C-alpha atoms as a PDB file:
ATOM      1  CA  MET A   1     118.008  46.361 106.087  1.00  0.00           C
ATOM      2  CA  THR A   2     119.839  43.182 107.077  1.00  0.00           C
ATOM      3  CA  LYS A   3     117.211  42.475 109.736  1.00  0.00           C
ATOM      4  CA  ILE A   4     114.518  42.283 107.085  1.00  0.00           C
ATOM      5  CA  ASN A   5     116.701  40.054 104.903  1.00  0.00           C
ATOM      6  CA  ASP A   6     117.310  37.695 107.836  1.00  0.00           C
ATOM      7  CA  GLU A   7     113.619  37.521 108.733  1.00  0.00           C
ATOM      8  CA  ILE A   8     112.446  36.890 105.159  1.00  0.00           C
ATOM      9  CA  ARG A   9     114.371  34.314 103.145  1.00  0.00           C
ATOM     10  CA  ASN A  10     113.067  32.764  99.943  1.00  0.00           C
ATOM     11  CA  GLY A  11     109.699  34.387 100.553  1.00  0.00           C
ATOM     12  CA  GLN A  12     109.354  32.703 103.954  1.00  0.00           C
ATOM     13  CA  PHE A  13     108.953  34.739 107.125  1.00  0.00           C
ATOM     14  CA  ASN A  14     111.162  33.365 109.903  1.00  0.00           C
ATOM     15  CA  LEU A  15     109.321  33.941 113.172  1.00  0.00           C
ATOM     16  CA  ALA A  16     112.256  32.845 115.348  1.00  0.00           C
ATOM     17  CA  VAL A  17     114.552  35.464 113.812  1.00  0.00           C
ATOM     18  CA  PHE A  18     111.807  38.090 114.089  1.00  0.00           C
ATOM     19  CA  PHE A  19     111.388  37.457 117.814  1.00  0.00           C
ATOM     20  CA  LYS A  20     115.151  37.383 118.290  1.00  0.00           C
ATOM     21  CA  HIS A  21     115.392  40.874 116.786  1.00  0.00           C
ATOM     22  CA  ASN A  22     112.237  42.082 118.563  1.00  0.00           C
ATOM     23  CA  LEU A  23     112.561  40.675 122.057  1.00  0.00           C
ATOM     24  CA  LEU A  24     110.050  43.142 123.537  1.00  0.00           C
ATOM     25  CA  ILE A  25     107.323  41.856 121.216  1.00  0.00           C
ATOM     26  CA  LEU A  26     108.021  38.300 122.389  1.00  0.00           C
ATOM     27  CA  ILE A  27     107.886  39.377 126.030  1.00  0.00           C
ATOM     28  CA  GLY A  28     104.610  41.220 125.386  1.00  0.00           C
ATOM     29  CA  PHE A  29     103.100  38.214 123.614  1.00  0.00           C
ATOM     30  CA  LEU A  30     104.075  35.908 126.463  1.00  0.00           C
ATOM     31  CA  ALA A  31     102.766  38.422 129.014  1.00  0.00           C
ATOM     32  CA  LEU A  32      99.357  38.153 127.336  1.00  0.00           C
ATOM     33  CA  ALA A  33      99.336  34.453 126.437  1.00  0.00           C
ATOM     34  CA  ILE A  34     100.485  32.897 129.716  1.00  0.00           C
ATOM     35  CA  PRO A  35      97.845  34.500 131.973  1.00  0.00           C
ATOM     36  CA  SER A  36      95.141  33.778 129.386  1.00  0.00           C
ATOM     37  CA  VAL A  37      95.958  30.077 129.186  1.00  0.00           C
ATOM     38  CA  PHE A  38      96.286  29.882 132.981  1.00  0.00           C
ATOM     39  CA  SER A  39      92.919  31.571 133.439  1.00  0.00           C
ATOM     40  CA  LEU A  40      91.264  29.226 130.944  1.00  0.00           C
ATOM     41  CA  SER A  41      92.801  26.188 132.616  1.00  0.00           C
ATOM     42  CA  GLN A  42      91.551  27.271 136.035  1.00  0.00           C
ATOM     43  CA  GLY A  43      88.099  28.361 134.870  1.00  0.00           C
ATOM     44  CA  LEU A  44      86.325  27.554 131.638  1.00  0.00           C
ATOM     45  CA  TRP A  45      88.269  24.400 130.765  1.00  0.00           C
ATOM     46  CA  GLN A  46      87.327  22.844 134.130  1.00  0.00           C
ATOM     47  CA  SER A  47      83.700  22.342 133.094  1.00  0.00           C
ATOM     48  CA  ASP A  48      82.625  19.157 131.337  1.00  0.00           C
ATOM     49  CA  ASP A  49      81.183  21.118 128.400  1.00  0.00           C
ATOM     50  CA  GLN A  50      84.466  22.882 127.637  1.00  0.00           C
ATOM     51  CA  ALA A  51      87.001  20.256 128.754  1.00  0.00           C
ATOM     52  CA  HIS A  52      87.971  19.543 125.140  1.00  0.00           C
ATOM     53  CA  GLY A  53      89.436  23.064 124.775  1.00  0.00           C
ATOM     54  CA  PRO A  54      93.100  22.169 125.494  1.00  0.00           C
ATOM     55  CA  ILE A  55      92.895  19.188 123.126  1.00  0.00           C
ATOM     56  CA  ILE A  56      91.543  21.364 120.310  1.00  0.00           C
ATOM     57  CA  LEU A  57      94.210  23.996 120.997  1.00  0.00           C
ATOM     58  CA  ALA A  58      96.984  21.374 120.926  1.00  0.00           C
ATOM     59  CA  CYS A  59      95.635  19.883 117.678  1.00  0.00           C
ATOM     60  CA  HIS A  60      95.583  23.298 116.037  1.00  0.00           C
ATOM     61  CA  LEU A  61      99.158  23.990 117.098  1.00  0.00           C
ATOM     62  CA  VAL A  62     100.314  20.626 115.710  1.00  0.00           C
ATOM     63  CA  ILE A  63      98.525  21.241 112.406  1.00  0.00           C
ATOM     64  CA  LEU A  64      99.999  24.737 112.103  1.00  0.00           C
ATOM     65  CA  ALA A  65     103.499  23.439 112.824  1.00  0.00           C
ATOM     66  CA  ASP A  66     103.050  20.665 110.255  1.00  0.00           C
ATOM     67  CA  LYS A  67     101.770  23.062 107.586  1.00  0.00           C
ATOM     68  CA  ARG A  68     104.676  25.374 108.301  1.00  0.00           C
ATOM     69  CA  GLN A  69     107.130  22.501 107.868  1.00  0.00           C
ATOM     70  CA  VAL A  70     105.478  21.386 104.604  1.00  0.00           C
ATOM     71  CA  SER A  71     105.540  24.956 103.339  1.00  0.00           C
ATOM     72  CA  ARG A  72     109.197  25.262 104.259  1.00  0.00           C
ATOM     73  CA  ASN A  73     110.019  22.015 102.443  1.00  0.00           C
ATOM     74  CA  ASP A  74     108.066  23.120  99.341  1.00  0.00           C
ATOM     75  CA  SER A  75     109.946  26.413  99.166  1.00  0.00           C
ATOM     76  CA  LYS A  76     113.303  24.601  99.419  1.00  0.00           C
ATOM     77  CA  SER A  77     112.424  22.156  96.640  1.00  0.00           C
ATOM     78  CA  THR A  78     111.350  24.935  94.245  1.00  0.00           C
ATOM     79  CA  ALA A  79     114.415  27.098  94.939  1.00  0.00           C
END
């Protein structure tokens, strides 16, 4: 029960704590993500039509991280 309490605090799911408690899930995710990104970088993203793919991916990751930080700050200010 303490694992669930550590992962969810103030209604926020803590992904870092989840992966710390579930190391095999993290390893599985990385085992799928790393070859996929490598394959895209060696294949599809090499063409001129799809060369913007890594930029779009990076922008999405930055936006998600920013929204997560804003959400975290909002939950702290209301608590």
